[in-house]
Protein backbone atom coordinates (compact mmCIF):
# COMPACT_ATOMS: atom_id res chain seq x y z
CA MET A 1 82.11 36.79 61.96
CA ILE A 2 80.15 38.22 64.85
CA ALA A 3 83.18 40.51 65.90
CA ARG A 4 83.76 41.87 62.39
CA PRO A 5 81.95 45.15 63.15
CA SER A 6 84.07 45.74 66.09
CA LEU A 7 87.28 45.63 64.19
CA LEU A 8 85.82 47.91 61.40
CA TRP A 9 84.67 50.21 64.03
CA ALA A 10 88.14 50.52 65.52
CA VAL A 11 89.58 51.22 62.06
CA ALA A 12 87.00 53.91 61.44
CA LEU A 13 87.51 55.60 64.57
CA ALA A 14 91.20 55.54 64.54
CA THR A 15 91.11 56.89 60.92
CA ALA A 16 88.77 59.68 61.93
CA ALA A 17 90.97 60.53 64.93
CA ASN A 18 94.02 61.25 62.72
CA ALA A 19 92.16 64.18 61.31
CA PHE A 20 93.00 66.41 64.08
CA VAL A 21 96.06 64.63 65.66
CA ASN A 22 98.60 66.48 63.32
CA ASN A 23 96.53 69.59 62.73
CA ALA A 24 95.01 70.29 66.05
CA PRO A 25 96.69 73.49 67.57
CA ARG A 26 97.76 73.31 71.05
CA VAL A 27 95.49 75.57 73.11
CA PRO A 28 97.55 77.10 75.99
CA PHE A 29 95.97 76.69 79.43
CA SER A 30 95.21 79.82 81.13
CA THR A 31 94.50 80.30 84.82
CA LYS A 32 93.51 84.08 84.37
CA LEU A 33 90.06 83.47 85.51
CA TYR A 34 89.69 86.03 88.43
CA PRO A 35 90.01 89.76 88.56
CA ILE A 36 92.09 89.48 91.83
CA PRO A 37 95.99 89.22 91.14
CA ALA A 38 96.56 87.22 94.30
CA ILE A 39 94.31 84.43 93.17
CA ASN A 40 95.78 84.41 89.68
CA ASP A 41 99.35 84.26 91.18
CA ALA A 42 98.38 81.43 93.32
CA LEU A 43 96.74 79.39 90.53
CA SER A 44 99.59 79.85 88.24
CA ALA A 45 102.37 79.28 90.62
CA PRO A 46 104.31 75.87 89.98
CA ILE A 47 103.73 73.06 92.45
CA LYS A 48 107.18 72.69 94.25
CA ASP A 49 106.51 70.73 97.29
CA LEU A 50 104.11 67.79 96.89
CA SER A 51 102.24 66.36 99.85
CA TYR A 52 102.75 62.94 101.15
CA GLY A 53 99.63 61.83 99.55
CA GLU A 54 100.37 62.99 96.15
CA GLU A 55 104.03 61.73 96.49
CA SER A 56 103.02 58.28 97.73
CA ARG A 57 100.05 57.83 95.24
CA LYS A 58 102.23 55.96 92.67
CA TYR A 59 102.99 53.35 95.33
CA ARG A 60 99.28 52.50 96.11
CA ARG A 61 98.43 51.46 92.51
CA THR A 62 98.18 47.73 93.50
CA VAL A 63 95.44 45.21 93.39
CA TYR A 64 94.10 43.33 96.42
CA THR A 65 95.36 39.63 96.23
CA HIS A 66 93.87 36.58 98.05
CA ASP A 67 96.71 36.96 100.59
CA ASP A 68 95.93 40.63 101.26
CA TRP A 69 92.38 39.88 101.88
CA VAL A 70 93.34 37.06 104.50
CA LYS A 71 95.69 39.59 106.15
CA HIS A 72 92.82 42.28 106.09
CA ARG A 73 90.43 39.86 107.80
CA SER A 74 92.78 38.58 110.56
CA SER A 75 91.76 38.91 114.05
CA ASP A 76 94.79 40.79 115.24
CA ARG A 77 94.49 43.56 112.80
CA ILE A 78 93.35 45.84 115.51
CA PHE A 79 96.70 45.49 117.12
CA ARG A 80 98.59 46.18 113.96
CA TYR A 81 96.51 49.21 112.80
CA THR A 82 96.73 50.63 116.43
CA PHE A 83 100.54 50.61 116.33
CA ALA A 84 100.55 51.91 112.82
CA ILE A 85 98.73 55.00 113.39
CA VAL A 86 101.78 57.23 113.52
CA SER A 87 103.05 55.93 110.17
CA SER A 88 99.64 55.98 108.49
CA GLY A 89 99.52 57.43 105.15
CA ILE A 90 96.10 58.98 105.95
CA TYR A 91 97.33 60.42 109.17
CA LYS A 92 100.34 61.94 107.28
CA ASN A 93 98.23 63.21 104.59
CA ILE A 94 95.83 65.07 106.81
CA GLY A 95 98.33 66.01 109.36
CA ALA A 96 98.19 69.72 108.52
CA GLU A 97 94.40 69.76 109.05
CA ILE A 98 94.43 67.83 112.26
CA SER A 99 97.14 70.26 113.52
CA THR A 100 95.38 73.30 112.61
CA VAL A 101 92.02 72.01 114.28
CA THR A 102 93.73 70.87 117.50
CA ALA A 103 95.79 74.31 117.67
CA ILE A 104 92.54 76.24 117.43
CA ALA A 105 90.72 73.99 119.93
CA ALA A 106 93.49 74.29 122.50
CA PHE A 107 93.76 77.99 122.11
CA THR A 108 89.86 78.39 122.67
CA VAL A 109 90.17 76.18 125.83
CA LEU A 110 92.93 78.14 127.31
CA TRP A 111 91.36 81.53 126.41
CA ASN A 112 87.99 80.50 128.02
CA ALA A 113 89.72 79.30 131.07
CA MET A 114 91.49 82.73 131.55
CA ALA A 115 88.67 84.81 130.56
CA GLY A 116 85.80 82.74 132.57
CA THR A 117 86.43 79.97 135.04
CA TYR A 118 88.00 76.54 134.91
CA THR A 119 87.61 73.48 136.94
CA ASP A 120 90.78 71.66 138.19
CA PHE A 121 91.27 67.91 138.59
CA SER A 122 89.67 68.12 142.17
CA GLY A 123 86.40 69.45 140.96
CA VAL A 124 87.25 73.02 142.41
CA VAL A 125 85.99 75.91 140.22
CA HIS A 126 88.48 78.71 139.79
CA ASP A 127 88.41 82.17 138.31
CA GLY A 128 90.54 82.93 135.44
CA LEU A 129 93.30 85.54 135.18
CA LEU A 130 91.27 87.73 132.89
CA LYS A 131 87.79 87.35 134.36
CA GLY A 132 85.82 90.50 134.90
CA THR A 133 88.04 92.43 132.25
CA VAL A 134 87.09 93.17 128.67
CA ALA A 135 88.25 89.80 127.52
CA PRO A 136 85.23 87.83 126.10
CA ILE A 137 84.37 84.27 126.45
CA LEU A 138 84.52 82.53 123.03
CA ASN A 139 81.34 80.57 122.44
CA LEU A 140 79.14 79.55 119.62
CA PRO A 141 75.46 78.49 119.76
CA LEU A 142 74.68 74.81 119.21
CA SER A 143 71.52 75.18 117.20
CA PRO A 144 73.42 75.72 113.72
CA PHE A 145 75.39 72.44 114.42
CA SER A 146 72.32 70.65 115.38
CA LEU A 147 70.35 71.50 112.38
CA LEU A 148 73.31 70.85 110.00
CA SER A 149 74.58 67.70 111.48
CA THR A 150 72.29 65.58 109.45
CA SER A 151 72.71 67.46 106.06
CA LEU A 152 76.43 67.32 106.71
CA GLY A 153 76.42 63.60 107.47
CA LEU A 154 74.44 62.88 104.22
CA LEU A 155 76.85 65.11 102.19
CA LEU A 156 79.94 63.22 103.31
CA VAL A 157 78.17 59.86 102.49
CA PHE A 158 77.29 61.04 99.09
CA ARG A 159 80.77 62.35 98.39
CA THR A 160 82.35 59.24 99.43
CA ASN A 161 80.11 57.14 97.46
CA THR A 162 80.61 59.32 94.33
CA GLY A 163 84.48 59.14 94.72
CA TYR A 164 84.18 55.23 94.95
CA GLN A 165 81.97 55.10 91.91
CA ARG A 166 84.41 57.36 89.86
CA TRP A 167 87.30 55.03 90.87
CA ASP A 168 85.21 52.00 90.03
CA GLU A 169 84.08 53.54 86.81
CA ALA A 170 87.70 54.41 85.57
CA ARG A 171 88.79 50.76 86.58
CA LYS A 172 86.14 49.31 84.45
CA ASN A 173 87.02 51.52 81.54
CA TRP A 174 90.45 50.74 81.64
CA GLY A 175 89.72 46.99 81.85
CA MET A 176 87.51 47.40 78.79
CA ASN A 177 90.34 49.23 76.98
CA ILE A 178 92.74 46.36 77.72
CA ASN A 179 90.03 43.71 76.52
CA HIS A 180 89.30 45.54 73.42
CA THR A 181 92.98 45.95 72.24
CA ARG A 182 93.54 42.16 73.08
CA ASP A 183 90.50 41.32 70.78
CA LEU A 184 92.12 43.35 68.13
CA VAL A 185 95.36 41.25 68.15
CA ARG A 186 93.36 37.91 68.46
CA MET A 187 91.10 38.90 65.50
CA GLY A 188 94.14 40.15 63.46
CA THR A 189 96.09 36.88 63.99
CA ALA A 190 92.81 34.55 63.31
CA TRP A 191 91.71 36.44 60.18
CA TYR A 192 95.27 36.87 58.62
CA ASP A 193 95.07 35.61 55.13
CA ASP A 194 98.23 33.34 54.68
CA GLU A 195 97.65 32.73 51.01
CA GLY A 196 100.54 33.94 49.08
CA VAL A 197 102.32 35.64 52.06
CA SER A 198 105.55 34.32 53.49
CA LEU A 199 106.06 33.56 56.95
CA GLU A 200 108.59 36.44 57.39
CA ARG A 201 105.67 38.86 56.19
CA ARG A 202 103.16 37.38 58.31
CA LYS A 203 105.61 37.63 61.34
CA GLU A 204 106.35 41.32 60.56
CA ASP A 205 102.56 42.45 59.98
CA LEU A 206 101.49 40.70 63.21
CA ASN A 207 104.50 42.26 65.04
CA ALA A 208 103.55 45.59 63.86
CA LEU A 209 99.93 45.08 64.91
CA ALA A 210 101.06 44.10 68.34
CA LEU A 211 103.51 46.88 68.73
CA ALA A 212 100.83 49.35 67.70
CA THR A 213 98.53 47.97 70.08
CA TRP A 214 100.95 48.11 72.90
CA ALA A 215 101.95 51.72 71.85
CA PHE A 216 98.07 52.78 72.16
CA VAL A 217 97.96 51.28 75.67
CA ARG A 218 101.10 52.81 76.65
CA ALA A 219 100.34 56.17 75.21
CA MET A 220 96.81 56.24 77.15
CA LYS A 221 98.66 55.38 80.39
CA ARG A 222 100.95 58.20 79.81
CA HIS A 223 98.17 60.49 79.10
CA LEU A 224 96.63 59.76 82.36
CA SER A 225 99.70 59.97 84.40
CA PRO A 226 101.60 62.99 85.89
CA VAL A 227 104.62 64.37 83.63
CA SER A 228 106.97 64.13 86.48
CA GLU A 229 106.14 60.45 86.95
CA ASP A 230 106.01 58.88 83.58
CA GLU A 231 107.23 61.04 80.77
CA GLU A 232 110.84 60.02 80.81
CA ASP A 233 109.93 56.16 80.93
CA PHE A 234 107.29 56.74 78.34
CA LYS A 235 109.71 58.22 75.75
CA LYS A 236 112.51 55.70 76.67
CA GLU A 237 109.98 52.61 75.96
CA ILE A 238 108.52 54.15 72.94
CA THR A 239 111.98 54.96 71.46
CA GLU A 240 113.21 51.33 72.29
CA LYS A 241 110.34 49.47 70.97
CA LEU A 242 108.72 51.25 68.00
CA PRO A 243 110.52 52.42 64.53
CA LYS A 244 112.14 55.84 64.97
CA GLY A 245 109.68 57.74 62.78
CA GLN A 246 106.60 56.21 64.47
CA ALA A 247 108.04 56.88 67.96
CA GLU A 248 108.87 60.63 67.10
CA ALA A 249 105.38 60.87 65.74
CA ILE A 250 103.73 59.75 68.97
CA ILE A 251 105.92 61.68 71.16
CA LYS A 252 105.53 65.08 69.23
CA ALA A 253 101.68 64.54 68.84
CA ALA A 254 99.31 66.95 70.45
CA HIS A 255 97.14 63.86 71.70
CA ARG A 256 99.38 60.83 71.88
CA PRO A 257 96.70 58.17 72.45
CA ASN A 258 95.00 59.34 69.02
CA ARG A 259 98.20 59.27 67.16
CA ALA A 260 98.83 55.76 68.50
CA LEU A 261 95.31 54.72 67.60
CA PHE A 262 96.02 56.01 63.97
CA ASP A 263 99.17 53.96 63.80
CA LEU A 264 96.95 50.95 65.01
CA SER A 265 94.41 51.49 62.46
CA CYS A 266 97.12 51.64 59.79
CA ALA A 267 98.51 48.33 60.98
CA ILE A 268 95.04 46.73 60.76
CA GLU A 269 94.53 48.12 57.26
CA ASN A 270 97.79 46.70 56.10
CA LEU A 271 96.88 43.12 57.09
CA PRO A 272 95.69 40.76 54.15
CA MET A 273 92.33 39.85 55.51
CA HIS A 274 90.54 37.26 53.52
CA TRP A 275 87.08 38.62 54.24
CA LEU A 276 87.93 42.30 53.13
């Protein structure tokens, strides 16, 4: 009976969540936070063209297997990665930034070559076409870069570590969610009181518990996914597997995971438990 408080806690939490699932008003999200109209228009504008990184994100939600690690540790990976630079997802994702920096650097070199002097491949120094005119040479002092390089490096390291920590924490929380829902189904099956209950009734009750558990996890997945990526599949799967009334209640709920959690608590409450 050690796991009994966990089941009671889940029922209490789900029942309390229902208090605001049906009655919670939908608060419209507003981006009117700045007094400058141009900024408000930019924030309110719909996203029409997704970048390569956002478009390919749904194809990169895989788990590294043993074969993947063997391939990653292979001695010829340097050649494979070298030839894959052009087709690299990272390269495509930051292509605009790289092109902008490259264009600014090329313009600066050409301008300084025309406004000052330049050295050819033979080592001979030549005067630029605009040398001696009002055209200035573009340059910056090195002191700010020398002073800020250490801080910038630490900032990049901290941001990278924070990003990995957030990803790892989300992965652990999702795994914990799966484990807890699996425990609910296991405890419901083990503690089901068969006395005076037919096999058909037992099958219906446990099937309702399993479907409610699945609906909660599925609603949580939809809650964390973009609308364009998972909304239609979510509605189709919920409508096919759940009863019509339950499916419509989840789809129309202001917070779908909480509504599914309430259905899960109802399914647990309807089970004949011998210890209750």
